[in-house]
Structure formats: structure tokens, C-alpha cells
């Protein structure tokens, strides 16, 4: 089964960006997140949409 979400660190590695840039993309609404307890996870689908839009 394919993962639905990725951690902030994994997202940063996948996009070759820093954590601060990932949080900026989240604030801008360009990446969708899910809160699971204290963790913030990024939806894989939103990462794909971001990459396709570039």
C-alpha cells in the first residue's frame, strides 16, 4: 500500500527544500496537511500537485 502522508522532513527531502520553506508552502495553502497527535503530516497528493504545477 502506498503512503498517504509524509513527515515534514521527508517532504523537505523529496522537494529538496528546507523545513522553513515547507512550512511557508503550508501557510500559503500550496501543501495540505493532516495533524495526527502532535505530528504534522503532508498529504502526498498535495506534493504531487505542487510538482505538476511547476
N, C-alpha and C. Protein backbone atom coordinates (compact mmCIF):
# COMPACT_ATOMS: atom_id res chain seq x y z
N UNK A 1 0.84 -1.18 0.00
CA UNK A 1 0.00 0.00 0.00
C UNK A 1 0.88 1.25 0.00
N UNK A 2 0.53 2.20 -0.81
CA UNK A 2 1.29 3.45 -0.94
C UNK A 2 0.96 4.39 0.22
N UNK A 3 1.98 5.08 0.78
CA UNK A 3 1.70 6.01 1.87
C UNK A 3 0.82 7.18 1.42
N UNK A 4 0.01 7.67 2.33
CA UNK A 4 -0.91 8.77 2.05
C UNK A 4 -0.29 10.09 2.48
N UNK A 5 0.58 10.04 3.50
CA UNK A 5 1.18 11.25 4.04
C UNK A 5 2.69 11.07 4.19
N UNK A 6 3.38 12.21 4.37
CA UNK A 6 4.82 12.20 4.60
C UNK A 6 5.12 13.20 5.71
N UNK A 7 6.17 12.94 6.45
CA UNK A 7 6.57 13.87 7.50
C UNK A 7 7.12 15.15 6.87
N UNK A 8 7.27 16.17 7.67
CA UNK A 8 7.84 17.43 7.20
C UNK A 8 9.25 17.18 6.68
N UNK A 9 10.04 16.40 7.42
CA UNK A 9 11.42 16.12 6.99
C UNK A 9 11.45 15.36 5.67
N UNK A 10 10.59 14.34 5.53
CA UNK A 10 10.56 13.58 4.28
C UNK A 10 10.11 14.45 3.11
N UNK A 11 9.16 15.34 3.36
CA UNK A 11 8.69 16.26 2.33
C UNK A 11 9.82 17.19 1.90
N UNK A 12 10.56 17.70 2.88
CA UNK A 12 11.69 18.59 2.58
C UNK A 12 12.73 17.88 1.73
N UNK A 13 13.02 16.63 2.06
CA UNK A 13 14.00 15.86 1.28
C UNK A 13 13.48 15.61 -0.14
N UNK A 14 12.20 15.26 -0.25
CA UNK A 14 11.62 14.95 -1.56
C UNK A 14 11.63 16.17 -2.48
N UNK A 15 11.42 17.36 -1.90
CA UNK A 15 11.35 18.58 -2.70
C UNK A 15 12.67 19.34 -2.74
N UNK A 16 13.67 18.81 -2.06
CA UNK A 16 14.99 19.48 -1.97
C UNK A 16 14.86 20.89 -1.41
N UNK A 17 14.06 21.03 -0.37
CA UNK A 17 13.84 22.30 0.30
C UNK A 17 14.12 22.14 1.79
N UNK A 18 14.23 23.25 2.47
CA UNK A 18 14.39 23.22 3.91
C UNK A 18 13.04 23.17 4.60
N UNK A 19 13.08 22.88 5.89
CA UNK A 19 11.85 22.79 6.68
C UNK A 19 11.10 24.13 6.68
N UNK A 20 11.82 25.23 6.76
CA UNK A 20 11.19 26.55 6.77
C UNK A 20 10.41 26.78 5.48
N UNK A 21 10.97 26.37 4.35
CA UNK A 21 10.28 26.51 3.06
C UNK A 21 9.03 25.65 3.02
N UNK A 22 9.09 24.46 3.60
CA UNK A 22 7.92 23.58 3.64
C UNK A 22 6.81 24.22 4.45
N UNK A 23 7.15 24.77 5.62
CA UNK A 23 6.14 25.44 6.44
C UNK A 23 5.57 26.66 5.72
N UNK A 24 6.38 27.36 4.94
CA UNK A 24 5.89 28.51 4.16
C UNK A 24 4.88 28.03 3.11
N UNK A 25 5.17 26.93 2.44
CA UNK A 25 4.24 26.38 1.44
C UNK A 25 2.94 25.95 2.10
N UNK A 26 3.02 25.44 3.31
CA UNK A 26 1.81 25.04 4.05
C UNK A 26 0.99 26.29 4.38
N UNK A 27 1.64 27.35 4.88
CA UNK A 27 0.93 28.60 5.20
C UNK A 27 0.27 29.21 3.98
N UNK A 28 0.93 29.10 2.81
CA UNK A 28 0.38 29.64 1.57
C UNK A 28 -0.76 28.79 1.02
N UNK A 29 -0.96 27.60 1.58
CA UNK A 29 -2.02 26.71 1.12
C UNK A 29 -1.61 25.85 -0.06
N UNK A 30 -0.33 25.84 -0.38
CA UNK A 30 0.13 25.06 -1.53
C UNK A 30 0.38 23.60 -1.16
N UNK A 31 0.53 23.30 0.12
CA UNK A 31 0.65 21.93 0.62
C UNK A 31 -0.43 21.72 1.67
N UNK A 32 -1.11 20.56 1.58
CA UNK A 32 -2.17 20.22 2.54
C UNK A 32 -1.59 19.34 3.63
N UNK A 33 -2.04 19.57 4.86
CA UNK A 33 -1.53 18.79 5.98
C UNK A 33 -2.65 18.12 6.75
N UNK A 34 -2.23 17.15 7.56
CA UNK A 34 -3.11 16.46 8.49
C UNK A 34 -2.39 16.44 9.83
N UNK A 35 -3.09 16.77 10.90
CA UNK A 35 -2.50 16.68 12.23
C UNK A 35 -2.85 15.32 12.82
N UNK A 36 -1.83 14.61 13.29
CA UNK A 36 -2.03 13.32 13.93
C UNK A 36 -1.32 13.41 15.27
N UNK A 37 -2.09 13.68 16.31
CA UNK A 37 -1.48 13.97 17.60
C UNK A 37 -0.72 15.27 17.51
N UNK A 38 0.56 15.24 17.83
CA UNK A 38 1.41 16.44 17.74
C UNK A 38 2.10 16.54 16.39
N UNK A 39 2.01 15.50 15.58
CA UNK A 39 2.72 15.49 14.30
C UNK A 39 1.92 16.19 13.21
N UNK A 40 2.64 16.89 12.36
CA UNK A 40 2.05 17.49 11.16
C UNK A 40 2.55 16.66 9.98
N UNK A 41 1.61 16.09 9.24
CA UNK A 41 1.95 15.26 8.09
C UNK A 41 1.41 15.92 6.82
N UNK A 42 2.18 15.83 5.75
CA UNK A 42 1.81 16.44 4.48
C UNK A 42 1.20 15.37 3.58
N UNK A 43 0.09 15.72 2.95
CA UNK A 43 -0.57 14.78 2.04
C UNK A 43 0.28 14.60 0.78
N UNK A 44 0.52 13.35 0.41
CA UNK A 44 1.32 13.02 -0.77
C UNK A 44 0.67 13.62 -2.03
N UNK A 45 -0.65 13.60 -2.09
CA UNK A 45 -1.35 14.13 -3.26
C UNK A 45 -1.04 15.61 -3.45
N UNK A 46 -0.93 16.36 -2.36
CA UNK A 46 -0.63 17.79 -2.49
C UNK A 46 0.81 18.01 -2.93
N UNK A 47 1.72 17.12 -2.54
CA UNK A 47 3.11 17.20 -3.01
C UNK A 47 3.14 16.98 -4.52
N UNK A 48 2.40 16.00 -4.99
CA UNK A 48 2.35 15.71 -6.43
C UNK A 48 1.77 16.89 -7.20
N UNK A 49 0.69 17.47 -6.68
CA UNK A 49 0.06 18.63 -7.34
C UNK A 49 1.05 19.79 -7.43
N UNK A 50 1.81 20.02 -6.36
CA UNK A 50 2.79 21.09 -6.34
C UNK A 50 3.84 20.86 -7.43
N UNK A 51 4.32 19.62 -7.55
CA UNK A 51 5.34 19.31 -8.54
C UNK A 51 4.79 19.42 -9.96
N UNK A 52 3.55 19.01 -10.17
CA UNK A 52 2.96 19.09 -11.51
C UNK A 52 2.70 20.52 -11.92
N UNK A 53 2.47 21.40 -10.96
CA UNK A 53 2.18 22.80 -11.25
C UNK A 53 3.41 23.60 -11.62
N UNK A 54 4.59 23.03 -11.43
CA UNK A 54 5.83 23.77 -11.72
C UNK A 54 6.33 23.49 -13.09
